[in-house]
Amino acid sequence: MRGPMKRRDQSGAAAVEAALVLCFIVVPLTFAMISYAFMFSFRQSLSQAAAEGVRAAALAPAGTSHAAAEAVATTAINDALNGLSSGVSCGVKNLVCTFTWTTCGTATCVGVDVSYPYRNHPLLPSFPGFDHILPANLAYDATAQVN
């Protein structure tokens, strides 16, 4: 017959378990959420920049050359992205802005495409191992009829 079982001291187990959960689950998920939220904010900025760029090109005075309208649109895109601390602008830091001029019916239309390779050049360092949740490319386009 065995004697009474000895109880083990469990006084520090909760602290160790809490530390493990924080280190391996809570902290990585928090950083992943922050990275993803920042990407969504940048994505919205790109969408707004494309709309501002096409609006500026479409409202250029009659007789303005395509090159001059594109310069005005590029300025509008850069102004829309100016609030970002990363310094991203057309042709700078991997942001590509392209313009297409087409005929739509009897009028002329201008299209603005804005794209950024986000996965390869994230604006916030992502938590290691969570890079695959970020989109490879953020791209937006907008089209408007010119005056």
C-alpha atoms as a PDB file:
ATOM      1  CA  MET A   1       0.000   0.000   0.000  1.00  0.00           C
ATOM      2  CA  ARG A   2       1.289   3.343  -0.995  1.00  0.00           C
ATOM      3  CA  GLY A   3       1.353   6.350   1.231  1.00  0.00           C
ATOM      4  CA  PRO A   4      -0.474   9.622   0.603  1.00  0.00           C
ATOM      5  CA  MET A   5       0.548  11.351  -2.657  1.00  0.00           C
ATOM      6  CA  LYS A   6       2.595  14.458  -2.350  1.00  0.00           C
ATOM      7  CA  ARG A   7       1.214  17.523  -4.072  1.00  0.00           C
ATOM      8  CA  ARG A   8       3.602  19.428  -6.262  1.00  0.00           C
ATOM      9  CA  ASP A   9       3.995  23.150  -5.862  1.00  0.00           C
ATOM     10  CA  GLN A  10       2.217  24.890  -8.782  1.00  0.00           C
ATOM     11  CA  SER A  11       2.776  28.476  -7.655  1.00  0.00           C
ATOM     12  CA  GLY A  12       4.837  29.630 -10.688  1.00  0.00           C
ATOM     13  CA  ALA A  13       3.122  27.645 -13.455  1.00  0.00           C
ATOM     14  CA  ALA A  14       0.555  30.313 -14.315  1.00  0.00           C
ATOM     15  CA  ALA A  15       3.248  32.965 -14.750  1.00  0.00           C
ATOM     16  CA  VAL A  16       5.288  30.717 -17.042  1.00  0.00           C
ATOM     17  CA  GLU A  17       2.229  29.791 -19.126  1.00  0.00           C
ATOM     18  CA  ALA A  18       1.221  33.452 -19.427  1.00  0.00           C
ATOM     19  CA  ALA A  19       4.738  34.389 -20.562  1.00  0.00           C
ATOM     20  CA  LEU A  20       4.745  31.650 -23.191  1.00  0.00           C
ATOM     21  CA  VAL A  21       1.330  32.678 -24.522  1.00  0.00           C
ATOM     22  CA  LEU A  22       2.402  36.319 -24.697  1.00  0.00           C
ATOM     23  CA  CYS A  23       5.702  35.565 -26.425  1.00  0.00           C
ATOM     24  CA  PHE A  24       4.488  33.095 -29.009  1.00  0.00           C
ATOM     25  CA  ILE A  25       0.862  34.037 -29.672  1.00  0.00           C
ATOM     26  CA  VAL A  26      -0.216  37.495 -28.507  1.00  0.00           C
ATOM     27  CA  VAL A  27       2.828  39.570 -29.518  1.00  0.00           C
ATOM     28  CA  PRO A  28       3.169  38.101 -33.050  1.00  0.00           C
ATOM     29  CA  LEU A  29      -0.556  38.445 -33.708  1.00  0.00           C
ATOM     30  CA  THR A  30      -0.517  42.034 -32.470  1.00  0.00           C
ATOM     31  CA  PHE A  31       2.348  42.939 -34.801  1.00  0.00           C
ATOM     32  CA  ALA A  32       0.656  41.120 -37.683  1.00  0.00           C
ATOM     33  CA  MET A  33      -2.556  43.096 -37.115  1.00  0.00           C
ATOM     34  CA  ILE A  34      -0.645  46.381 -37.008  1.00  0.00           C
ATOM     35  CA  SER A  35       1.209  45.530 -40.243  1.00  0.00           C
ATOM     36  CA  TYR A  36      -2.000  44.534 -41.981  1.00  0.00           C
ATOM     37  CA  ALA A  37      -3.871  47.629 -40.774  1.00  0.00           C
ATOM     38  CA  PHE A  38      -1.056  49.872 -42.015  1.00  0.00           C
ATOM     39  CA  MET A  39      -1.184  48.117 -45.382  1.00  0.00           C
ATOM     40  CA  PHE A  40      -4.941  48.794 -45.575  1.00  0.00           C
ATOM     41  CA  SER A  41      -4.322  52.460 -44.801  1.00  0.00           C
ATOM     42  CA  PHE A  42      -1.699  52.668 -47.553  1.00  0.00           C
ATOM     43  CA  ARG A  43      -4.049  50.835 -49.914  1.00  0.00           C
ATOM     44  CA  GLN A  44      -6.735  53.460 -49.291  1.00  0.00           C
ATOM     45  CA  SER A  45      -4.178  56.218 -49.892  1.00  0.00           C
ATOM     46  CA  LEU A  46      -3.255  54.673 -53.264  1.00  0.00           C
ATOM     47  CA  SER A  47      -6.916  54.466 -54.251  1.00  0.00           C
ATOM     48  CA  GLN A  48      -7.446  58.118 -53.342  1.00  0.00           C
ATOM     49  CA  ALA A  49      -4.244  59.137 -55.138  1.00  0.00           C
ATOM     50  CA  ALA A  50      -5.358  57.431 -58.366  1.00  0.00           C
ATOM     51  CA  ALA A  51      -8.710  59.248 -58.184  1.00  0.00           C
ATOM     52  CA  GLU A  52      -7.026  62.597 -57.531  1.00  0.00           C
ATOM     53  CA  GLY A  53      -4.571  62.065 -60.368  1.00  0.00           C
ATOM     54  CA  VAL A  54      -7.228  61.233 -62.947  1.00  0.00           C
ATOM     55  CA  ARG A  55      -9.366  64.147 -61.766  1.00  0.00           C
ATOM     56  CA  ALA A  56      -6.447  66.561 -62.165  1.00  0.00           C
ATOM     57  CA  ALA A  57      -5.639  65.261 -65.652  1.00  0.00           C
ATOM     58  CA  ALA A  58      -9.273  65.389 -66.749  1.00  0.00           C
ATOM     59  CA  LEU A  59      -9.741  68.959 -65.536  1.00  0.00           C
ATOM     60  CA  ALA A  60      -6.641  70.310 -67.275  1.00  0.00           C
ATOM     61  CA  PRO A  61      -7.533  73.320 -69.447  1.00  0.00           C
ATOM     62  CA  ALA A  62      -8.623  72.603 -73.017  1.00  0.00           C
ATOM     63  CA  GLY A  63      -5.698  72.392 -75.404  1.00  0.00           C
ATOM     64  CA  THR A  64      -3.286  71.174 -72.717  1.00  0.00           C
ATOM     65  CA  SER A  65      -0.894  68.571 -74.053  1.00  0.00           C
ATOM     66  CA  HIS A  66      -0.975  65.038 -72.716  1.00  0.00           C
ATOM     67  CA  ALA A  67       2.476  65.516 -71.167  1.00  0.00           C
ATOM     68  CA  ALA A  68       1.373  68.670 -69.334  1.00  0.00           C
ATOM     69  CA  ALA A  69      -1.827  66.990 -68.094  1.00  0.00           C
ATOM     70  CA  GLU A  70       0.238  64.012 -66.897  1.00  0.00           C
ATOM     71  CA  ALA A  71       2.573  66.367 -65.017  1.00  0.00           C
ATOM     72  CA  VAL A  72      -0.426  67.957 -63.282  1.00  0.00           C
ATOM     73  CA  ALA A  73      -1.804  64.492 -62.491  1.00  0.00           C
ATOM     74  CA  THR A  74       1.547  63.333 -61.123  1.00  0.00           C
ATOM     75  CA  THR A  75       1.637  66.361 -58.832  1.00  0.00           C
ATOM     76  CA  ALA A  76      -1.894  65.559 -57.634  1.00  0.00           C
ATOM     77  CA  ILE A  77      -0.951  61.929 -56.957  1.00  0.00           C
ATOM     78  CA  ASN A  78       2.156  62.972 -55.045  1.00  0.00           C
ATOM     79  CA  ASP A  79       0.150  65.528 -53.045  1.00  0.00           C
ATOM     80  CA  ALA A  80      -2.400  62.849 -52.135  1.00  0.00           C
ATOM     81  CA  LEU A  81       0.407  60.602 -50.885  1.00  0.00           C
ATOM     82  CA  ASN A  82       2.277  63.428 -49.166  1.00  0.00           C
ATOM     83  CA  GLY A  83       0.879  62.600 -45.719  1.00  0.00           C
ATOM     84  CA  LEU A  84       2.697  59.270 -45.641  1.00  0.00           C
ATOM     85  CA  SER A  85       5.906  59.316 -43.670  1.00  0.00           C
ATOM     86  CA  SER A  86       7.513  56.888 -46.104  1.00  0.00           C
ATOM     87  CA  GLY A  87       8.107  59.448 -48.879  1.00  0.00           C
ATOM     88  CA  VAL A  88       6.461  57.331 -51.584  1.00  0.00           C
ATOM     89  CA  SER A  89       5.679  59.239 -54.782  1.00  0.00           C
ATOM     90  CA  CYS A  90       5.448  58.545 -58.526  1.00  0.00           C
ATOM     91  CA  GLY A  91       8.742  57.067 -59.699  1.00  0.00           C
ATOM     92  CA  VAL A  92      10.204  57.168 -56.186  1.00  0.00           C
ATOM     93  CA  LYS A  93      10.466  54.205 -53.805  1.00  0.00           C
ATOM     94  CA  ASN A  94       8.929  51.692 -56.237  1.00  0.00           C
ATOM     95  CA  LEU A  95       5.629  53.499 -56.873  1.00  0.00           C
ATOM     96  CA  VAL A  96       4.729  53.233 -60.557  1.00  0.00           C
ATOM     97  CA  CYS A  97       2.260  55.699 -62.074  1.00  0.00           C
ATOM     98  CA  THR A  98       1.176  55.169 -65.676  1.00  0.00           C
ATOM     99  CA  PHE A  99      -1.191  57.149 -67.851  1.00  0.00           C
ATOM    100  CA  THR A 100      -3.231  55.924 -70.813  1.00  0.00           C
ATOM    101  CA  TRP A 101      -5.091  58.120 -73.249  1.00  0.00           C
ATOM    102  CA  THR A 102      -7.951  56.543 -75.171  1.00  0.00           C
ATOM    103  CA  THR A 103     -10.928  57.552 -77.230  1.00  0.00           C
ATOM    104  CA  CYS A 104     -14.255  56.848 -75.555  1.00  0.00           C
ATOM    105  CA  GLY A 105     -16.993  57.549 -78.033  1.00  0.00           C
ATOM    106  CA  THR A 106     -16.449  61.070 -79.327  1.00  0.00           C
ATOM    107  CA  ALA A 107     -14.442  62.194 -76.301  1.00  0.00           C
ATOM    108  CA  THR A 108     -10.971  61.529 -74.965  1.00  0.00           C
ATOM    109  CA  CYS A 109     -10.473  59.594 -71.734  1.00  0.00           C
ATOM    110  CA  VAL A 110      -7.448  59.429 -69.482  1.00  0.00           C
ATOM    111  CA  GLY A 111      -6.604  56.513 -67.238  1.00  0.00           C
ATOM    112  CA  VAL A 112      -4.259  56.552 -64.283  1.00  0.00           C
ATOM    113  CA  ASP A 113      -2.745  53.340 -62.917  1.00  0.00           C
ATOM    114  CA  VAL A 114      -0.924  53.469 -59.591  1.00  0.00           C
ATOM    115  CA  SER A 115       0.866  50.334 -58.365  1.00  0.00           C
ATOM    116  CA  TYR A 116       3.250  49.420 -55.566  1.00  0.00           C
ATOM    117  CA  PRO A 117       4.976  46.059 -54.865  1.00  0.00           C
ATOM    118  CA  TYR A 118       3.976  45.901 -51.200  1.00  0.00           C
ATOM    119  CA  ARG A 119       5.187  42.434 -50.214  1.00  0.00           C
ATOM    120  CA  ASN A 120       8.725  43.116 -51.455  1.00  0.00           C
ATOM    121  CA  HIS A 121       8.810  46.674 -50.070  1.00  0.00           C
ATOM    122  CA  PRO A 122       6.485  46.940 -47.055  1.00  0.00           C
ATOM    123  CA  LEU A 123       6.291  50.385 -45.515  1.00  0.00           C
ATOM    124  CA  LEU A 124       6.340  48.879 -42.021  1.00  0.00           C
ATOM    125  CA  PRO A 125       8.608  45.988 -41.127  1.00  0.00           C
ATOM    126  CA  SER A 126       6.417  42.920 -40.853  1.00  0.00           C
ATOM    127  CA  PHE A 127       6.764  40.317 -38.158  1.00  0.00           C
ATOM    128  CA  PRO A 128       8.953  37.426 -39.358  1.00  0.00           C
ATOM    129  CA  GLY A 129       6.850  34.600 -40.703  1.00  0.00           C
ATOM    130  CA  PHE A 130       3.856  36.809 -41.456  1.00  0.00           C
ATOM    131  CA  ASP A 131       5.161  38.196 -44.774  1.00  0.00           C
ATOM    132  CA  HIS A 132       2.939  35.826 -46.749  1.00  0.00           C
ATOM    133  CA  ILE A 133      -0.266  37.478 -45.491  1.00  0.00           C
ATOM    134  CA  LEU A 134       0.614  40.771 -47.174  1.00  0.00           C
ATOM    135  CA  PRO A 135      -0.501  41.242 -50.784  1.00  0.00           C
ATOM    136  CA  ALA A 136       2.212  41.031 -53.415  1.00  0.00           C
ATOM    137  CA  ASN A 137       1.082  44.142 -55.274  1.00  0.00           C
ATOM    138  CA  LEU A 138      -1.276  47.009 -54.545  1.00  0.00           C
ATOM    139  CA  ALA A 139      -2.665  48.521 -57.740  1.00  0.00           C
ATOM    140  CA  TYR A 140      -5.461  50.959 -58.486  1.00  0.00           C
ATOM    141  CA  ASP A 141      -6.687  52.560 -61.640  1.00  0.00           C
ATOM    142  CA  ALA A 142      -9.126  55.319 -62.389  1.00  0.00           C
ATOM    143  CA  THR A 143     -10.488  56.622 -65.686  1.00  0.00           C
ATOM    144  CA  ALA A 144     -12.188  59.905 -66.511  1.00  0.00           C
ATOM    145  CA  GLN A 145     -13.374  61.750 -69.574  1.00  0.00           C
ATOM    146  CA  VAL A 146     -11.285  64.802 -70.437  1.00  0.00           C
ATOM    147  CA  ASN A 147     -12.934  68.220 -70.930  1.00  0.00           C
END
